Amino acid sequence: MRTMKTLCRNATVALFALPLASCITVKAPEKPIEINLNVAIRQEVLVRLQQDVQRIINQNPDAFPAPPTRP
C-alpha cells in the first residue's frame, strides 16, 4: 500500500515537472564573469602596512622622534 502511494506521488510529480523541463535552460555567459576586488585588497594592505610601521616606530623610538608640537 505504501509503495503504491509513493509510486503515485512520484508519477504525479514527474507529470507536472515534464512541461517545465522544456522551458528551463542553462546557458554559459558569452563573456567571462569579472570580479573586481582591488579596493578590498588595497585597504587590507594599507591597514597591514600601517600596523607594521606603528610596530617599528614603537620598537625604535630613537630612530623616529615625535614631531614637534605647534605653539
N, C-alpha and C. Protein backbone atom coordinates (compact mmCIF):
# COMPACT_ATOMS: atom_id res chain seq x y z
N MET A 1 0.82 -1.19 0.00
CA MET A 1 0.00 0.00 0.00
C MET A 1 0.87 1.26 0.00
N ARG A 2 1.89 1.25 0.85
CA ARG A 2 2.76 2.41 0.95
C ARG A 2 3.55 2.60 -0.34
N THR A 3 3.99 1.51 -0.96
CA THR A 3 4.74 1.58 -2.20
C THR A 3 3.87 2.15 -3.31
N MET A 4 2.62 1.78 -3.36
CA MET A 4 1.70 2.28 -4.38
C MET A 4 1.48 3.78 -4.21
N LYS A 5 1.38 4.23 -2.97
CA LYS A 5 1.17 5.65 -2.70
C LYS A 5 2.41 6.45 -3.14
N THR A 6 3.58 5.93 -2.84
CA THR A 6 4.82 6.59 -3.24
C THR A 6 4.95 6.62 -4.75
N LEU A 7 4.59 5.53 -5.40
CA LEU A 7 4.66 5.45 -6.86
C LEU A 7 3.71 6.47 -7.49
N CYS A 8 2.52 6.60 -6.97
CA CYS A 8 1.55 7.58 -7.49
C CYS A 8 2.05 9.01 -7.28
N ARG A 9 2.62 9.26 -6.13
CA ARG A 9 3.13 10.60 -5.85
C ARG A 9 4.28 10.95 -6.79
N ASN A 10 5.21 10.01 -7.00
CA ASN A 10 6.33 10.24 -7.91
C ASN A 10 5.86 10.45 -9.34
N ALA A 11 4.87 9.68 -9.75
CA ALA A 11 4.33 9.83 -11.10
C ALA A 11 3.66 11.19 -11.27
N THR A 12 2.95 11.65 -10.25
CA THR A 12 2.30 12.96 -10.32
C THR A 12 3.33 14.08 -10.41
N VAL A 13 4.37 13.99 -9.61
CA VAL A 13 5.43 15.00 -9.65
C VAL A 13 6.10 15.00 -11.01
N ALA A 14 6.39 13.83 -11.55
CA ALA A 14 7.02 13.74 -12.87
C ALA A 14 6.10 14.29 -13.94
N LEU A 15 4.81 14.05 -13.83
CA LEU A 15 3.84 14.54 -14.81
C LEU A 15 3.79 16.06 -14.82
N PHE A 16 3.84 16.69 -13.65
CA PHE A 16 3.81 18.15 -13.59
C PHE A 16 5.17 18.76 -13.92
N ALA A 17 6.24 18.04 -13.68
CA ALA A 17 7.57 18.56 -13.97
C ALA A 17 7.93 18.45 -15.44
N LEU A 18 7.30 17.58 -16.16
CA LEU A 18 7.62 17.37 -17.58
C LEU A 18 7.45 18.63 -18.42
N PRO A 19 6.35 19.37 -18.31
CA PRO A 19 6.23 20.61 -19.11
C PRO A 19 7.27 21.66 -18.73
N LEU A 20 7.69 21.67 -17.49
CA LEU A 20 8.68 22.65 -17.05
C LEU A 20 10.07 22.35 -17.59
N ALA A 21 10.34 21.12 -17.92
CA ALA A 21 11.67 20.73 -18.38
C ALA A 21 12.04 21.41 -19.69
N SER A 22 11.07 21.69 -20.53
CA SER A 22 11.37 22.30 -21.82
C SER A 22 11.63 23.79 -21.71
N CYS A 23 11.18 24.46 -20.66
CA CYS A 23 11.37 25.91 -20.57
C CYS A 23 12.54 26.30 -19.69
N ILE A 24 13.20 25.37 -19.06
CA ILE A 24 14.36 25.67 -18.23
C ILE A 24 15.61 25.37 -19.03
N THR A 25 16.42 26.41 -19.26
CA THR A 25 17.67 26.22 -19.98
C THR A 25 18.80 26.83 -19.18
N VAL A 26 19.95 26.22 -19.27
CA VAL A 26 21.15 26.72 -18.62
C VAL A 26 22.14 27.05 -19.71
N LYS A 27 22.57 28.30 -19.74
CA LYS A 27 23.48 28.75 -20.79
C LYS A 27 24.63 29.51 -20.15
N ALA A 28 25.83 29.17 -20.55
CA ALA A 28 27.01 29.87 -20.03
C ALA A 28 27.07 31.26 -20.64
N PRO A 29 27.54 32.25 -19.87
CA PRO A 29 27.64 33.60 -20.42
C PRO A 29 28.71 33.67 -21.51
N GLU A 30 28.51 34.58 -22.46
CA GLU A 30 29.48 34.71 -23.55
C GLU A 30 30.77 35.35 -23.07
N LYS A 31 30.66 36.33 -22.18
CA LYS A 31 31.86 36.97 -21.63
C LYS A 31 32.14 36.36 -20.25
N PRO A 32 33.42 36.28 -19.87
CA PRO A 32 33.72 35.74 -18.54
C PRO A 32 33.24 36.69 -17.44
N ILE A 33 32.92 36.12 -16.31
CA ILE A 33 32.48 36.91 -15.17
C ILE A 33 33.71 37.52 -14.52
N GLU A 34 33.69 38.83 -14.32
CA GLU A 34 34.83 39.53 -13.74
C GLU A 34 34.45 40.05 -12.36
N ILE A 35 35.26 39.71 -11.37
CA ILE A 35 35.04 40.18 -10.01
C ILE A 35 36.21 41.07 -9.65
N ASN A 36 35.94 42.33 -9.39
CA ASN A 36 36.99 43.30 -9.10
C ASN A 36 37.12 43.46 -7.59
N LEU A 37 38.25 43.02 -7.05
CA LEU A 37 38.49 43.10 -5.61
C LEU A 37 39.63 44.04 -5.26
N ASN A 38 40.00 44.92 -6.16
CA ASN A 38 41.14 45.81 -5.93
C ASN A 38 40.97 46.68 -4.69
N VAL A 39 39.79 47.20 -4.45
CA VAL A 39 39.57 48.11 -3.34
C VAL A 39 39.78 47.39 -2.01
N ALA A 40 39.20 46.22 -1.86
CA ALA A 40 39.33 45.48 -0.61
C ALA A 40 40.77 45.07 -0.36
N ILE A 41 41.47 44.66 -1.40
CA ILE A 41 42.86 44.23 -1.23
C ILE A 41 43.72 45.43 -0.86
N ARG A 42 43.50 46.56 -1.49
CA ARG A 42 44.29 47.76 -1.21
C ARG A 42 44.08 48.21 0.23
N GLN A 43 42.85 48.18 0.71
CA GLN A 43 42.57 48.58 2.07
C GLN A 43 43.25 47.64 3.06
N GLU A 44 43.24 46.37 2.78
CA GLU A 44 43.87 45.41 3.68
C GLU A 44 45.37 45.63 3.72
N VAL A 45 45.99 45.90 2.57
CA VAL A 45 47.43 46.14 2.52
C VAL A 45 47.78 47.40 3.28
N LEU A 46 46.99 48.46 3.14
CA LEU A 46 47.26 49.70 3.85
C LEU A 46 47.15 49.51 5.36
N VAL A 47 46.16 48.77 5.81
CA VAL A 47 46.00 48.53 7.24
C VAL A 47 47.17 47.72 7.77
N ARG A 48 47.57 46.70 7.05
CA ARG A 48 48.71 45.89 7.50
C ARG A 48 49.99 46.71 7.52
N LEU A 49 50.18 47.53 6.48
CA LEU A 49 51.37 48.36 6.41
C LEU A 49 51.38 49.36 7.56
N GLN A 50 50.24 49.96 7.86
CA GLN A 50 50.16 50.92 8.95
C GLN A 50 50.46 50.24 10.28
N GLN A 51 49.97 49.04 10.49
CA GLN A 51 50.25 48.31 11.73
C GLN A 51 51.73 47.97 11.84
N ASP A 52 52.34 47.55 10.73
CA ASP A 52 53.76 47.22 10.74
C ASP A 52 54.60 48.46 11.03
N VAL A 53 54.27 49.59 10.42
CA VAL A 53 55.02 50.83 10.65
C VAL A 53 54.87 51.26 12.10
N GLN A 54 53.68 51.19 12.65
CA GLN A 54 53.47 51.58 14.04
C GLN A 54 54.28 50.69 14.98
N ARG A 55 54.35 49.42 14.68
CA ARG A 55 55.14 48.49 15.50
C ARG A 55 56.63 48.85 15.43
N ILE A 56 57.13 49.16 14.25
CA ILE A 56 58.55 49.53 14.09
C ILE A 56 58.84 50.83 14.82
N ILE A 57 57.95 51.81 14.74
CA ILE A 57 58.15 53.08 15.44
C ILE A 57 58.18 52.85 16.95
N ASN A 58 57.30 52.01 17.45
CA ASN A 58 57.27 51.73 18.89
C ASN A 58 58.51 50.98 19.35
N GLN A 59 59.07 50.13 18.50
CA GLN A 59 60.26 49.37 18.87
C GLN A 59 61.53 50.23 18.79
N ASN A 60 61.54 51.27 17.96
CA ASN A 60 62.72 52.12 17.77
C ASN A 60 62.35 53.59 17.97
N PRO A 61 62.08 54.01 19.19
CA PRO A 61 61.64 55.40 19.41
C PRO A 61 62.73 56.42 19.09
N ASP A 62 64.02 56.04 19.22
CA ASP A 62 65.10 56.98 18.94
C ASP A 62 65.23 57.25 17.44
N ALA A 63 64.94 56.28 16.62
CA ALA A 63 65.06 56.43 15.18
C ALA A 63 63.92 57.27 14.61
N PHE A 64 62.80 57.31 15.32
CA PHE A 64 61.64 58.05 14.83
C PHE A 64 61.17 59.00 15.94
N PRO A 65 61.80 60.18 16.04
CA PRO A 65 61.39 61.11 17.11
C PRO A 65 59.98 61.66 16.85
N ALA A 66 59.35 62.08 17.91
CA ALA A 66 57.99 62.63 17.80
C ALA A 66 58.04 63.95 17.04
N PRO A 67 57.02 64.25 16.27
CA PRO A 67 57.01 65.53 15.54
C PRO A 67 56.90 66.69 16.52
N PRO A 68 57.48 67.84 16.15
CA PRO A 68 57.40 69.00 17.07
C PRO A 68 55.96 69.47 17.22
N THR A 69 55.65 69.94 18.40
CA THR A 69 54.30 70.44 18.66
C THR A 69 54.21 71.90 18.22
N ARG A 70 53.07 72.30 17.74
CA ARG A 70 52.88 73.68 17.28
C ARG A 70 52.44 74.54 18.47
N PRO A 71 52.91 75.77 18.48
CA PRO A 71 52.51 76.67 19.60
C PRO A 71 51.08 77.12 19.52
